[in-house]
């Protein structure tokens, strides 16, 4: 059993993307709050996906289909921030 003996099973999944160009570097972060399951569940995803349950969900990322994973993903949040930055600052590049 994972985290046996611990009463606090809360966790936060975080990601960081960095864009570097001639003007500097820009950091885009995303986070998803959740909990750690009692045991690995599901075979989808990679790494710790089978043990992380996003807040408001009953399934681990390892059990979710791709759509549900994307909707709860910290990567999605960070990439949307990156997309907004690119659209705002790189219009002359056809983005």
PDB file of N, CA and C in Angstrom:
ATOM      1  N   UNK A   1       0.839  -1.178   0.000  1.00  0.00           N
ATOM      2  CA  UNK A   1       0.000   0.000   0.000  1.00  0.00           C
ATOM      3  C   UNK A   1       0.886   1.243   0.000  1.00  0.00           C
ATOM      4  N   UNK A   2       0.628   2.143  -0.894  1.00  0.00           N
ATOM      5  CA  UNK A   2       1.411   3.373  -0.999  1.00  0.00           C
ATOM      6  C   UNK A   2       1.140   4.318   0.165  1.00  0.00           C
ATOM      7  N   UNK A   3       2.162   4.943   0.655  1.00  0.00           N
ATOM      8  CA  UNK A   3       2.076   5.904   1.758  1.00  0.00           C
ATOM      9  C   UNK A   3       1.408   5.322   2.999  1.00  0.00           C
ATOM     10  N   UNK A   4       1.601   4.047   3.219  1.00  0.00           N
ATOM     11  CA  UNK A   4       1.010   3.391   4.375  1.00  0.00           C
ATOM     12  C   UNK A   4       1.411   4.128   5.650  1.00  0.00           C
ATOM     13  N   UNK A   5       0.431   4.422   6.484  1.00  0.00           N
ATOM     14  CA  UNK A   5       0.688   5.124   7.734  1.00  0.00           C
ATOM     15  C   UNK A   5       0.569   6.630   7.629  1.00  0.00           C
ATOM     16  N   UNK A   6       0.459   7.164   6.438  1.00  0.00           N
ATOM     17  CA  UNK A   6       0.313   8.605   6.255  1.00  0.00           C
ATOM     18  C   UNK A   6      -1.169   8.964   6.153  1.00  0.00           C
ATOM     19  N   UNK A   7      -1.582   9.981   6.884  1.00  0.00           N
ATOM     20  CA  UNK A   7      -2.972  10.416   6.798  1.00  0.00           C
ATOM     21  C   UNK A   7      -3.162  11.447   5.693  1.00  0.00           C
ATOM     22  N   UNK A   8      -2.129  12.196   5.389  1.00  0.00           N
ATOM     23  CA  UNK A   8      -2.212  13.210   4.337  1.00  0.00           C
ATOM     24  C   UNK A   8      -1.704  12.607   3.032  1.00  0.00           C
ATOM     25  N   UNK A   9      -2.603  12.378   2.095  1.00  0.00           N
ATOM     26  CA  UNK A   9      -2.247  11.783   0.811  1.00  0.00           C
ATOM     27  C   UNK A   9      -2.281  12.831  -0.298  1.00  0.00           C
ATOM     28  N   UNK A  10      -2.360  14.096   0.078  1.00  0.00           N
ATOM     29  CA  UNK A  10      -2.465  15.157  -0.924  1.00  0.00           C
ATOM     30  C   UNK A  10      -1.162  15.289  -1.707  1.00  0.00           C
ATOM     31  N   UNK A  11      -1.315  15.719  -2.941  1.00  0.00           N
ATOM     32  CA  UNK A  11      -0.165  15.888  -3.829  1.00  0.00           C
ATOM     33  C   UNK A  11      -0.488  16.962  -4.852  1.00  0.00           C
ATOM     34  N   UNK A  12       0.537  17.520  -5.431  1.00  0.00           N
ATOM     35  CA  UNK A  12       0.370  18.485  -6.512  1.00  0.00           C
ATOM     36  C   UNK A  12       1.284  18.082  -7.653  1.00  0.00           C
ATOM     37  N   UNK A  13       0.688  17.922  -8.827  1.00  0.00           N
ATOM     38  CA  UNK A  13       1.471  17.640 -10.034  1.00  0.00           C
ATOM     39  C   UNK A  13       1.793  18.985 -10.683  1.00  0.00           C
ATOM     40  N   UNK A  14       3.059  19.217 -10.964  1.00  0.00           N
ATOM     41  CA  UNK A  14       3.473  20.496 -11.537  1.00  0.00           C
ATOM     42  C   UNK A  14       4.352  20.273 -12.762  1.00  0.00           C
ATOM     43  N   UNK A  15       4.282  21.229 -13.664  1.00  0.00           N
ATOM     44  CA  UNK A  15       5.111  21.192 -14.862  1.00  0.00           C
ATOM     45  C   UNK A  15       5.563  22.608 -15.183  1.00  0.00           C
ATOM     46  N   UNK A  16       6.681  22.689 -15.864  1.00  0.00           N
ATOM     47  CA  UNK A  16       7.247  23.979 -16.240  1.00  0.00           C
ATOM     48  C   UNK A  16       7.813  23.872 -17.650  1.00  0.00           C
ATOM     49  N   UNK A  17       7.406  24.774 -18.523  1.00  0.00           N
ATOM     50  CA  UNK A  17       7.976  24.886 -19.863  1.00  0.00           C
ATOM     51  C   UNK A  17       8.680  26.231 -19.945  1.00  0.00           C
ATOM     52  N   UNK A  18       9.837  26.241 -20.583  1.00  0.00           N
ATOM     53  CA  UNK A  18      10.602  27.475 -20.724  1.00  0.00           C
ATOM     54  C   UNK A  18      10.851  27.741 -22.202  1.00  0.00           C
ATOM     55  N   UNK A  19      10.595  28.964 -22.606  1.00  0.00           N
ATOM     56  CA  UNK A  19      10.880  29.422 -23.964  1.00  0.00           C
ATOM     57  C   UNK A  19      12.014  30.426 -23.882  1.00  0.00           C
ATOM     58  N   UNK A  20      13.069  30.190 -24.633  1.00  0.00           N
ATOM     59  CA  UNK A  20      14.204  31.112 -24.683  1.00  0.00           C
ATOM     60  C   UNK A  20      14.314  31.673 -26.088  1.00  0.00           C
ATOM     61  N   UNK A  21      14.471  32.964 -26.174  1.00  0.00           N
ATOM     62  CA  UNK A  21      14.723  33.603 -27.462  1.00  0.00           C
ATOM     63  C   UNK A  21      15.698  34.754 -27.246  1.00  0.00           C
ATOM     64  N   UNK A  22      15.886  35.569 -28.269  1.00  0.00           N
ATOM     65  CA  UNK A  22      16.879  36.638 -28.178  1.00  0.00           C
ATOM     66  C   UNK A  22      16.526  37.708 -27.144  1.00  0.00           C
ATOM     67  N   UNK A  23      15.286  37.761 -26.691  1.00  0.00           N
ATOM     68  CA  UNK A  23      14.878  38.765 -25.702  1.00  0.00           C
ATOM     69  C   UNK A  23      14.933  38.251 -24.267  1.00  0.00           C
ATOM     70  N   UNK A  24      15.151  36.968 -24.079  1.00  0.00           N
ATOM     71  CA  UNK A  24      15.215  36.423 -22.728  1.00  0.00           C
ATOM     72  C   UNK A  24      14.572  35.059 -22.630  1.00  0.00           C
ATOM     73  N   UNK A  25      14.196  34.697 -21.414  1.00  0.00           N
ATOM     74  CA  UNK A  25      13.515  33.417 -21.213  1.00  0.00           C
ATOM     75  C   UNK A  25      12.177  33.666 -20.524  1.00  0.00           C
ATOM     76  N   UNK A  26      11.214  32.818 -20.839  1.00  0.00           N
ATOM     77  CA  UNK A  26       9.851  32.956 -20.343  1.00  0.00           C
ATOM     78  C   UNK A  26       9.425  31.597 -19.775  1.00  0.00           C
ATOM     79  N   UNK A  27       8.848  31.623 -18.580  1.00  0.00           N
ATOM     80  CA  UNK A  27       8.494  30.403 -17.878  1.00  0.00           C
ATOM     81  C   UNK A  27       6.965  30.275 -17.836  1.00  0.00           C
ATOM     82  N   UNK A  28       6.475  29.093 -18.184  1.00  0.00           N
ATOM     83  CA  UNK A  28       5.039  28.813 -18.208  1.00  0.00           C
ATOM     84  C   UNK A  28       4.794  27.586 -17.331  1.00  0.00           C
ATOM     85  N   UNK A  29       4.028  27.771 -16.263  1.00  0.00           N
ATOM     86  CA  UNK A  29       3.812  26.697 -15.300  1.00  0.00           C
ATOM     87  C   UNK A  29       2.352  26.259 -15.268  1.00  0.00           C
ATOM     88  N   UNK A  30       2.157  25.057 -14.812  1.00  0.00           N
ATOM     89  CA  UNK A  30       0.823  24.524 -14.593  1.00  0.00           C
ATOM     90  C   UNK A  30       0.861  23.584 -13.408  1.00  0.00           C
ATOM     91  N   UNK A  31      -0.246  23.498 -12.684  1.00  0.00           N
ATOM     92  CA  UNK A  31      -0.303  22.576 -11.556  1.00  0.00           C
ATOM     93  C   UNK A  31      -1.703  21.993 -11.427  1.00  0.00           C
ATOM     94  N   UNK A  32      -1.760  20.784 -10.920  1.00  0.00           N
ATOM     95  CA  UNK A  32      -3.013  20.085 -10.660  1.00  0.00           C
ATOM     96  C   UNK A  32      -2.939  19.497  -9.262  1.00  0.00           C
ATOM     97  N   UNK A  33      -3.885  19.882  -8.413  1.00  0.00           N
ATOM     98  CA  UNK A  33      -3.953  19.329  -7.064  1.00  0.00           C
ATOM     99  C   UNK A  33      -4.632  17.969  -7.120  1.00  0.00           C
ATOM    100  N   UNK A  34      -4.256  17.102  -6.212  1.00  0.00           N
ATOM    101  CA  UNK A  34      -4.856  15.775  -6.174  1.00  0.00           C
ATOM    102  C   UNK A  34      -4.412  14.995  -4.965  1.00  0.00           C
ATOM    103  N   UNK A  35      -4.569  13.685  -5.064  1.00  0.00           N
ATOM    104  CA  UNK A  35      -4.161  12.776  -3.995  1.00  0.00           C
ATOM    105  C   UNK A  35      -3.455  11.565  -4.590  1.00  0.00           C
ATOM    106  N   UNK A  36      -2.764  10.847  -3.730  1.00  0.00           N
ATOM    107  CA  UNK A  36      -2.088   9.613  -4.119  1.00  0.00           C
ATOM    108  C   UNK A  36      -3.004   8.439  -3.761  1.00  0.00           C
ATOM    109  N   UNK A  37      -3.249   7.554  -4.721  1.00  0.00           N
ATOM    110  CA  UNK A  37      -4.106   6.393  -4.482  1.00  0.00           C
ATOM    111  C   UNK A  37      -3.423   5.402  -3.536  1.00  0.00           C
ATOM    112  N   UNK A  38      -4.221   4.489  -2.993  1.00  0.00           N
ATOM    113  CA  UNK A  38      -3.673   3.462  -2.098  1.00  0.00           C
ATOM    114  C   UNK A  38      -2.729   2.510  -2.821  1.00  0.00           C
ATOM    115  N   UNK A  39      -3.009   2.287  -4.110  1.00  0.00           N
ATOM    116  CA  UNK A  39      -2.192   1.378  -4.908  1.00  0.00           C
ATOM    117  C   UNK A  39      -2.291   1.808  -6.370  1.00  0.00           C
ATOM    118  N   UNK A  40      -1.329   1.432  -7.202  1.00  0.00           N
ATOM    119  CA  UNK A  40      -1.395   1.773  -8.626  1.00  0.00           C
ATOM    120  C   UNK A  40      -2.667   1.224  -9.266  1.00  0.00           C
ATOM    121  N   UNK A  41      -3.293   2.055 -10.102  1.00  0.00           N
ATOM    122  CA  UNK A  41      -4.509   1.648 -10.808  1.00  0.00           C
ATOM    123  C   UNK A  41      -4.438   2.155 -12.239  1.00  0.00           C
ATOM    124  N   UNK A  42      -4.648   1.268 -13.178  1.00  0.00           N
ATOM    125  CA  UNK A  42      -4.650   1.643 -14.582  1.00  0.00           C
ATOM    126  C   UNK A  42      -3.281   1.499 -15.213  1.00  0.00           C
ATOM    127  N   UNK A  43      -3.282   1.367 -16.528  1.00  0.00           N
ATOM    128  CA  UNK A  43      -2.031   1.159 -17.264  1.00  0.00           C
ATOM    129  C   UNK A  43      -1.776   2.249 -18.302  1.00  0.00           C
ATOM    130  N   UNK A  44      -2.651   3.253 -18.358  1.00  0.00           N
ATOM    131  CA  UNK A  44      -2.470   4.325 -19.339  1.00  0.00           C
ATOM    132  C   UNK A  44      -1.505   5.360 -18.782  1.00  0.00           C
ATOM    133  N   UNK A  45      -0.971   6.158 -19.679  1.00  0.00           N
ATOM    134  CA  UNK A  45      -0.057   7.199 -19.257  1.00  0.00           C
ATOM    135  C   UNK A  45       1.340   6.645 -19.020  1.00  0.00           C
ATOM    136  N   UNK A  46       2.071   7.300 -18.138  1.00  0.00           N
ATOM    137  CA  UNK A  46       3.443   6.877 -17.845  1.00  0.00           C
ATOM    138  C   UNK A  46       3.804   7.328 -16.435  1.00  0.00           C
ATOM    139  N   UNK A  47       4.948   6.879 -15.983  1.00  0.00           N
ATOM    140  CA  UNK A  47       5.468   7.326 -14.695  1.00  0.00           C
ATOM    141  C   UNK A  47       4.484   7.127 -13.564  1.00  0.00           C
ATOM    142  N   UNK A  48       4.129   8.206 -12.904  1.00  0.00           N
ATOM    143  CA  UNK A  48       3.256   8.143 -11.737  1.00  0.00           C
ATOM    144  C   UNK A  48       1.777   8.327 -12.069  1.00  0.00           C
ATOM    145  N   UNK A  49       1.401   8.306 -13.345  1.00  0.00           N
ATOM    146  CA  UNK A  49      -0.012   8.431 -13.726  1.00  0.00           C
ATOM    147  C   UNK A  49      -0.917   7.405 -13.023  1.00  0.00           C
ATOM    148  N   UNK A  50      -0.485   6.154 -12.814  1.00  0.00           N
ATOM    149  CA  UNK A  50      -1.350   5.181 -12.151  1.00  0.00           C
ATOM    150  C   UNK A  50      -1.595   5.433 -10.651  1.00  0.00           C
ATOM    151  N   UNK A  51      -0.910   6.408 -10.052  1.00  0.00           N
ATOM    152  CA  UNK A  51      -1.143   6.652  -8.627  1.00  0.00           C
ATOM    153  C   UNK A  51      -1.697   8.046  -8.329  1.00  0.00           C
ATOM    154  N   UNK A  52      -1.768   8.926  -9.321  1.00  0.00           N
ATOM    155  CA  UNK A  52      -2.228  10.304  -9.073  1.00  0.00           C
ATOM    156  C   UNK A  52      -3.695  10.455  -9.439  1.00  0.00           C
ATOM    157  N   UNK A  53      -4.502  10.921  -8.479  1.00  0.00           N
ATOM    158  CA  UNK A  53      -5.930  11.171  -8.685  1.00  0.00           C
ATOM    159  C   UNK A  53      -6.164  12.680  -8.597  1.00  0.00           C
ATOM    160  N   UNK A  54      -6.489  13.342  -9.705  1.00  0.00           N
ATOM    161  CA  UNK A  54      -6.752  14.784  -9.651  1.00  0.00           C
ATOM    162  C   UNK A  54      -7.962  15.093  -8.770  1.00  0.00           C
ATOM    163  N   UNK A  55      -7.929  16.223  -8.075  1.00  0.00           N
ATOM    164  CA  UNK A  55      -9.070  16.641  -7.266  1.00  0.00           C
ATOM    165  C   UNK A  55     -10.337  16.647  -8.102  1.00  0.00           C
ATOM    166  N   UNK A  56     -11.418  16.188  -7.518  1.00  0.00           N
ATOM    167  CA  UNK A  56     -12.698  16.132  -8.203  1.00  0.00           C
ATOM    168  C   UNK A  56     -12.892  14.884  -9.038  1.00  0.00           C
ATOM    169  N   UNK A  57     -11.903  14.016  -9.071  1.00  0.00           N
ATOM    170  CA  UNK A  57     -11.973  12.785  -9.865  1.00  0.00           C
ATOM    171  C   UNK A  57     -11.908  11.566  -8.952  1.00  0.00           C
ATOM    172  N   UNK A  58     -12.349  10.435  -9.469  1.00  0.00           N
ATOM    173  CA  UNK A  58     -12.250   9.177  -8.729  1.00  0.00           C
ATOM    174  C   UNK A  58     -11.241   8.234  -9.366  1.00  0.00           C
ATOM    175  N   UNK A  59     -10.833   8.533 -10.600  1.00  0.00           N
ATOM    176  CA  UNK A  59      -9.876   7.689 -11.311  1.00  0.00           C
ATOM    177  C   UNK A  59      -8.484   8.302 -11.267  1.00  0.00           C
ATOM    178  N   UNK A  60      -7.473   7.423 -11.332  1.00  0.00           N
ATOM    179  CA  UNK A  60      -6.108   7.907 -11.515  1.00  0.00           C
ATOM    180  C   UNK A  60      -5.943   8.301 -12.979  1.00  0.00           C
ATOM    181  N   UNK A  61      -4.889   9.051 -13.264  1.00  0.00           N
ATOM    182  CA  UNK A  61      -4.608   9.364 -14.674  1.00  0.00           C
ATOM    183  C   UNK A  61      -4.361   8.085 -15.455  1.00  0.00           C
ATOM    184  N   UNK A  62      -3.857   7.058 -14.802  1.00  0.00           N
ATOM    185  CA  UNK A  62      -3.614   5.782 -15.459  1.00  0.00           C
ATOM    186  C   UNK A  62      -4.879   5.054 -15.868  1.00  0.00           C
ATOM    187  N   UNK A  63      -6.007   5.414 -15.269  1.00  0.00           N
ATOM    188  CA  UNK A  63      -7.289   4.799 -15.603  1.00  0.00           C
ATOM    189  C   UNK A  63      -8.101   5.628 -16.597  1.00  0.00           C
ATOM    190  N   UNK A  64      -7.774   6.896 -16.727  1.00  0.00           N
ATOM    191  CA  UNK A  64      -8.569   7.819 -17.540  1.00  0.00           C
ATOM    192  C   UNK A  64      -8.297   7.658 -19.027  1.00  0.00           C
ATOM    193  N   UNK A  65      -9.311   7.987 -19.830  1.00  0.00           N
ATOM    194  CA  UNK A  65      -9.076   8.060 -21.265  1.00  0.00           C
ATOM    195  C   UNK A  65      -8.333   9.361 -21.570  1.00  0.00           C
ATOM    196  N   UNK A  66      -7.860   9.509 -22.782  1.00  0.00           N
ATOM    197  CA  UNK A  66      -7.029  10.657 -23.156  1.00  0.00           C
ATOM    198  C   UNK A  66      -7.749  11.991 -22.954  1.00  0.00           C
ATOM    199  N   UNK A  67      -9.046  12.032 -23.225  1.00  0.00           N
ATOM    200  CA  UNK A  67      -9.801  13.273 -23.067  1.00  0.00           C
ATOM    201  C   UNK A  67      -9.832  13.703 -21.607  1.00  0.00           C
ATOM    202  N   UNK A  68     -10.144  12.785 -20.717  1.00  0.00           N
ATOM    203  CA  UNK A  68     -10.187  13.103 -19.288  1.00  0.00           C
ATOM    204  C   UNK A  68      -8.809  13.495 -18.767  1.00  0.00           C
ATOM    205  N   UNK A  69      -7.772  12.829 -19.254  1.00  0.00           N
ATOM    206  CA  UNK A  69      -6.408  13.193 -18.849  1.00  0.00           C
ATOM    207  C   UNK A  69      -6.099  14.631 -19.248  1.00  0.00           C
ATOM    208  N   UNK A  70      -6.421  14.987 -20.495  1.00  0.00           N
ATOM    209  CA  UNK A  70      -6.147  16.349 -20.980  1.00  0.00           C
ATOM    210  C   UNK A  70      -6.906  17.399 -20.178  1.00  0.00           C
ATOM    211  N   UNK A  71      -8.158  17.119 -19.831  1.00  0.00           N
ATOM    212  CA  UNK A  71      -8.977  18.087 -19.116  1.00  0.00           C
ATOM    213  C   UNK A  71      -8.437  18.389 -17.722  1.00  0.00           C
ATOM    214  N   UNK A  72      -7.718  17.470 -17.129  1.00  0.00           N
ATOM    215  CA  UNK A  72      -7.205  17.651 -15.768  1.00  0.00           C
ATOM    216  C   UNK A  72      -5.695  17.871 -15.737  1.00  0.00           C
ATOM    217  N   UNK A  73      -5.085  18.011 -16.884  1.00  0.00           N
ATOM    218  CA  UNK A  73      -3.634  18.029 -16.986  1.00  0.00           C
ATOM    219  C   UNK A  73      -3.012  19.379 -16.635  1.00  0.00           C
ATOM    220  N   UNK A  74      -1.957  19.323 -15.854  1.00  0.00           N
ATOM    221  CA  UNK A  74      -1.172  20.518 -15.577  1.00  0.00           C
ATOM    222  C   UNK A  74      -0.417  20.954 -16.832  1.00  0.00           C
ATOM    223  N   UNK A  75      -0.117  20.012 -17.725  1.00  0.00           N
ATOM    224  CA  UNK A  75       0.563  20.343 -18.984  1.00  0.00           C
ATOM    225  C   UNK A  75      -0.325  21.232 -19.850  1.00  0.00           C
ATOM    226  N   UNK A  76      -1.608  20.913 -19.875  1.00  0.00           N
ATOM    227  CA  UNK A  76      -2.552  21.702 -20.668  1.00  0.00           C
ATOM    228  C   UNK A  76      -2.544  23.159 -20.197  1.00  0.00           C
ATOM    229  N   UNK A  77      -2.601  23.352 -18.889  1.00  0.00           N
ATOM    230  CA  UNK A  77      -2.597  24.702 -18.318  1.00  0.00           C
ATOM    231  C   UNK A  77      -1.340  25.470 -18.740  1.00  0.00           C
ATOM    232  N   UNK A  78      -0.185  24.840 -18.606  1.00  0.00           N
ATOM    233  CA  UNK A  78       1.072  25.499 -18.957  1.00  0.00           C
ATOM    234  C   UNK A  78       1.165  25.759 -20.456  1.00  0.00           C
ATOM    235  N   UNK A  79       0.731  24.801 -21.262  1.00  0.00           N
ATOM    236  CA  UNK A  79       0.805  24.975 -22.714  1.00  0.00           C
ATOM    237  C   UNK A  79      -0.165  26.036 -23.216  1.00  0.00           C
ATOM    238  N   UNK A  80      -1.305  26.204 -22.564  1.00  0.00           N
ATOM    239  CA  UNK A  80      -2.221  27.294 -22.936  1.00  0.00           C
ATOM    240  C   UNK A  80      -1.586  28.645 -22.642  1.00  0.00           C
ATOM    241  N   UNK A  81      -0.855  28.748 -21.550  1.00  0.00           N
ATOM    242  CA  UNK A  81      -0.125  29.982 -21.237  1.00  0.00           C
ATOM    243  C   UNK A  81       0.943  30.245 -22.297  1.00  0.00           C
ATOM    244  N   UNK A  82       1.668  29.203 -22.687  1.00  0.00           N
ATOM    245  CA  UNK A  82       2.679  29.331 -23.732  1.00  0.00           C
ATOM    246  C   UNK A  82       2.033  29.745 -25.048  1.00  0.00           C
ATOM    247  N   UNK A  83       0.918  29.125 -25.401  1.00  0.00           N
ATOM    248  CA  UNK A  83       0.213  29.462 -26.641  1.00  0.00           C
ATOM    249  C   UNK A  83      -0.195  30.934 -26.658  1.00  0.00           C
ATOM    250  N   UNK A  84      -0.739  31.416 -25.549  1.00  0.00           N
ATOM    251  CA  UNK A  84      -1.143  32.820 -25.453  1.00  0.00           C
ATOM    252  C   UNK A  84       0.055  33.734 -25.649  1.00  0.00           C
ATOM    253  N   UNK A  85       1.167  33.397 -25.021  1.00  0.00           N
ATOM    254  CA  UNK A  85       2.392  34.198 -25.164  1.00  0.00           C
ATOM    255  C   UNK A  85       2.862  34.221 -26.622  1.00  0.00           C
ATOM    256  N   UNK A  86       2.869  33.066 -27.257  1.00  0.00           N
ATOM    257  CA  UNK A  86       3.314  32.995 -28.652  1.00  0.00           C
ATOM    258  C   UNK A  86       2.406  33.817 -29.569  1.00  0.00           C
ATOM    259  N   UNK A  87       1.101  33.700 -29.382  1.00  0.00           N
ATOM    260  CA  UNK A  87       0.164  34.436 -30.226  1.00  0.00           C
ATOM    261  C   UNK A  87       0.297  35.945 -30.022  1.00  0.00           C
ATOM    262  N   UNK A  88       0.571  36.359 -28.818  1.00  0.00           N
ATOM    263  CA  UNK A  88       0.695  37.784 -28.500  1.00  0.00           C
ATOM    264  C   UNK A  88       2.026  38.368 -28.978  1.00  0.00           C
ATOM    265  N   UNK A  89       3.099  37.607 -28.868  1.00  0.00           N
ATOM    266  CA  UNK A  89       4.436  38.154 -29.070  1.00  0.00           C
ATOM    267  C   UNK A  89       5.130  37.729 -30.361  1.00  0.00           C
ATOM    268  N   UNK A  90       4.574  36.789 -31.069  1.00  0.00           N
ATOM    269  CA  UNK A  90       5.246  36.289 -32.265  1.00  0.00           C
ATOM    270  C   UNK A  90       4.322  36.336 -33.477  1.00  0.00           C
ATOM    271  N   UNK A  91       3.484  37.365 -33.572  1.00  0.00           N
ATOM    272  CA  UNK A  91       2.517  37.474 -34.667  1.00  0.00           C
ATOM    273  C   UNK A  91       3.193  37.540 -36.028  1.00  0.00           C
ATOM    274  N   UNK A  92       4.364  38.109 -36.098  1.00  0.00           N
ATOM    275  CA  UNK A  92       5.070  38.247 -37.369  1.00  0.00           C
ATOM    276  C   UNK A  92       5.639  36.932 -37.883  1.00  0.00           C
ATOM    277  N   UNK A  93       5.533  35.886 -37.080  1.00  0.00           N
ATOM    278  CA  UNK A  93       6.075  34.587 -37.470  1.00  0.00           C
ATOM    279  C   UNK A  93       4.994  33.643 -37.991  1.00  0.00           C
ATOM    280  N   UNK A  94       3.759  34.157 -38.148  1.00  0.00           N
ATOM    281  CA  UNK A  94       2.691  33.348 -38.701  1.00  0.00           C
ATOM    282  C   UNK A  94       2.101  32.342 -37.731  1.00  0.00           C
ATOM    283  N   UNK A  95       2.182  32.621 -36.451  1.00  0.00           N
ATOM    284  CA  UNK A  95       1.612  31.695 -35.455  1.00  0.00           C
ATOM    285  C   UNK A  95       0.158  32.008 -35.214  1.00  0.00           C
TER     286      UNK A  95
END
